[in-house]
Protein backbone atom coordinates (compact mmCIF):
# COMPACT_ATOMS: atom_id res chain seq x y z
CA ILE A 1 -0.04 -0.14 0.07
CA GLY A 2 2.96 2.41 1.01
CA VAL A 3 4.52 1.23 -1.84
CA CYS A 4 1.33 2.43 -4.01
CA LEU A 5 0.70 5.42 -2.54
CA THR A 6 4.48 6.59 -2.68
CA ASP A 7 4.31 6.00 -7.07
CA LEU A 8 1.08 7.82 -7.31
CA ILE A 9 2.19 11.18 -5.20
CA GLY A 10 5.37 10.99 -7.26
CA PHE A 11 3.63 10.74 -10.35
CA PHE A 12 1.89 14.19 -10.07
CA LEU A 13 4.83 15.64 -8.31
CA GLU A 14 7.59 17.42 -10.73
CA ALA A 15 10.73 16.21 -8.55
CA PRO A 16 9.43 12.61 -7.69
CA GLU A 17 12.79 11.57 -7.56
CA GLU A 18 12.97 14.18 -4.27
CA LEU A 19 10.13 12.03 -2.75
CA PRO A 20 10.75 10.69 0.69
CA ARG A 21 9.82 7.21 0.16
CA LEU A 22 10.57 5.65 3.63
CA ARG A 23 8.21 8.28 5.37
CA ILE A 24 5.90 7.91 3.34
CA GLN A 25 5.84 4.16 3.56
CA LEU A 26 6.58 4.40 7.61
CA LEU A 27 3.34 6.50 7.98
CA VAL A 28 1.16 4.41 6.20
CA VAL A 29 1.98 1.46 8.40
CA VAL A 30 1.36 3.58 11.37
CA ALA A 31 -1.44 5.92 10.17
CA VAL A 32 -3.52 2.38 8.22
CA LEU A 33 -1.94 -0.98 8.95
CA LEU A 34 -1.16 -0.66 12.63
CA PRO A 35 -4.91 0.01 13.80
CA LEU A 36 -6.06 -2.94 11.54
CA CYS A 37 -2.91 -4.89 13.71
CA LEU A 38 -4.31 -4.37 16.37
CA LEU A 39 -8.18 -5.01 16.01
CA PRO A 40 -9.63 -7.71 18.14
CA SER A 41 -11.92 -9.12 15.60
CA LEU A 42 -11.12 -9.15 11.73
CA LYS A 43 -14.98 -9.69 11.55
CA PRO A 44 -16.31 -6.13 10.40
CA LEU A 45 -13.80 -5.57 7.80
CA SER A 46 -15.31 -9.10 5.85
CA ALA A 47 -17.64 -6.63 3.57
CA ALA A 48 -15.02 -4.66 2.74
CA SER A 49 -12.21 -7.89 2.17
CA THR A 50 -15.18 -9.66 -0.27
CA PHE A 51 -15.38 -6.33 -2.51
CA GLY A 52 -12.02 -6.09 -2.97
CA LEU A 53 -11.70 -10.00 -3.67
CA ALA A 54 -14.64 -9.23 -6.67
CA GLY A 55 -12.91 -6.78 -7.81
CA THR A 56 -9.64 -8.47 -8.72
CA ALA A 57 -11.20 -11.37 -9.87
CA THR A 58 -13.12 -9.04 -12.63
CA THR A 59 -10.10 -7.87 -13.16
CA ALA A 60 -8.28 -11.14 -13.59
CA ALA A 61 -10.83 -12.46 -16.01
CA THR A 62 -11.02 -8.95 -17.69
CA MET A 63 -7.16 -9.35 -18.58
CA ALA A 64 -7.63 -13.18 -19.36
CA ALA A 65 -10.20 -12.52 -21.79
CA ARG A 66 -8.26 -9.61 -23.28
CA ALA A 67 -4.97 -11.99 -23.66
CA LEU A 68 -7.36 -14.46 -25.41
CA ASP A 69 -8.94 -12.19 -27.89
CA THR A 70 -5.32 -10.54 -28.54
CA SER A 71 -7.74 -7.20 -28.22
CA TYR A 72 -3.84 -5.27 -27.90
CA GLY A 73 -2.19 -7.45 -30.24
CA PRO A 74 -0.85 -5.87 -33.34
CA GLU A 75 -3.73 -6.57 -35.01
CA GLY A 76 -6.10 -5.67 -32.06
CA LYS A 77 -8.36 -2.85 -31.93
CA PHE A 78 -6.97 -1.59 -28.66
CA PHE A 79 -3.02 -1.76 -30.53
CA GLU A 80 -3.13 2.06 -30.96
CA VAL A 81 -4.95 3.46 -27.36
CA VAL A 82 -1.50 1.87 -25.12
CA GLN A 83 0.10 4.27 -24.14
CA TRP A 84 3.01 2.42 -22.24
CA VAL A 85 4.58 -0.60 -22.56
CA PRO A 86 6.19 -1.78 -18.75
CA THR A 87 9.99 -3.03 -18.88
CA PHE A 88 10.82 -5.02 -16.16
CA GLU A 89 14.27 -5.63 -16.86
CA GLN A 90 14.94 -1.61 -17.70
CA ARG A 91 13.48 -1.39 -13.82
CA ALA A 92 15.96 -4.12 -12.47
CA ALA A 93 18.87 -3.48 -14.16
CA ASP A 94 18.52 1.02 -13.46
CA PRO A 95 16.55 1.94 -10.89
CA GLU A 96 16.99 5.06 -11.73
CA GLY A 97 14.98 4.12 -15.02
CA GLU A 98 11.93 3.97 -12.86
CA ILE A 99 11.97 7.77 -12.31
CA ALA A 100 12.66 7.99 -16.36
CA GLY A 101 10.15 5.80 -17.49
CA LEU A 102 7.84 7.50 -14.75
CA ALA A 103 8.86 11.50 -16.51
CA ALA A 104 8.23 9.68 -19.97
CA VAL A 105 4.63 8.45 -18.66
CA ARG A 106 3.81 11.27 -17.43
CA ARG A 107 4.57 13.55 -20.08
CA ARG A 108 2.83 11.16 -22.46
CA VAL A 109 -0.22 12.31 -20.74
CA GLU A 110 0.36 16.33 -20.91
CA GLU A 111 0.30 16.11 -24.33
CA ARG A 112 -2.34 13.74 -24.77
CA ALA A 113 -4.57 15.98 -22.70
CA HIS A 114 -3.44 19.08 -24.62
CA SER A 115 -4.40 17.63 -27.97
CA LEU A 116 -7.54 16.95 -26.47
CA ARG A 117 -8.44 20.57 -25.30
């Protein structure tokens, strides 16, 4: 949760490399996860857990359907819509590539928003 929140905040900042990642992650642990761990019973979380499980199952089913019908393949109807292809090898080999990739995605989103105006 903390890592996703940090990346989400960094996406909207001008200088995401200056983001205090460890502080944000610790804040999430102390403010969100610790109180949940200290609950005497997890029963109150069952509805939210079921909702989250349904959302994850829906996402997995959609991904499987898109993979099987090749909608995002070179001949697919969504091929031109895809704006970013993840490169996991670059991230592992070059930790700074994550920041550069994030800046490139932000630039493309801003250019697309500007062209739609």
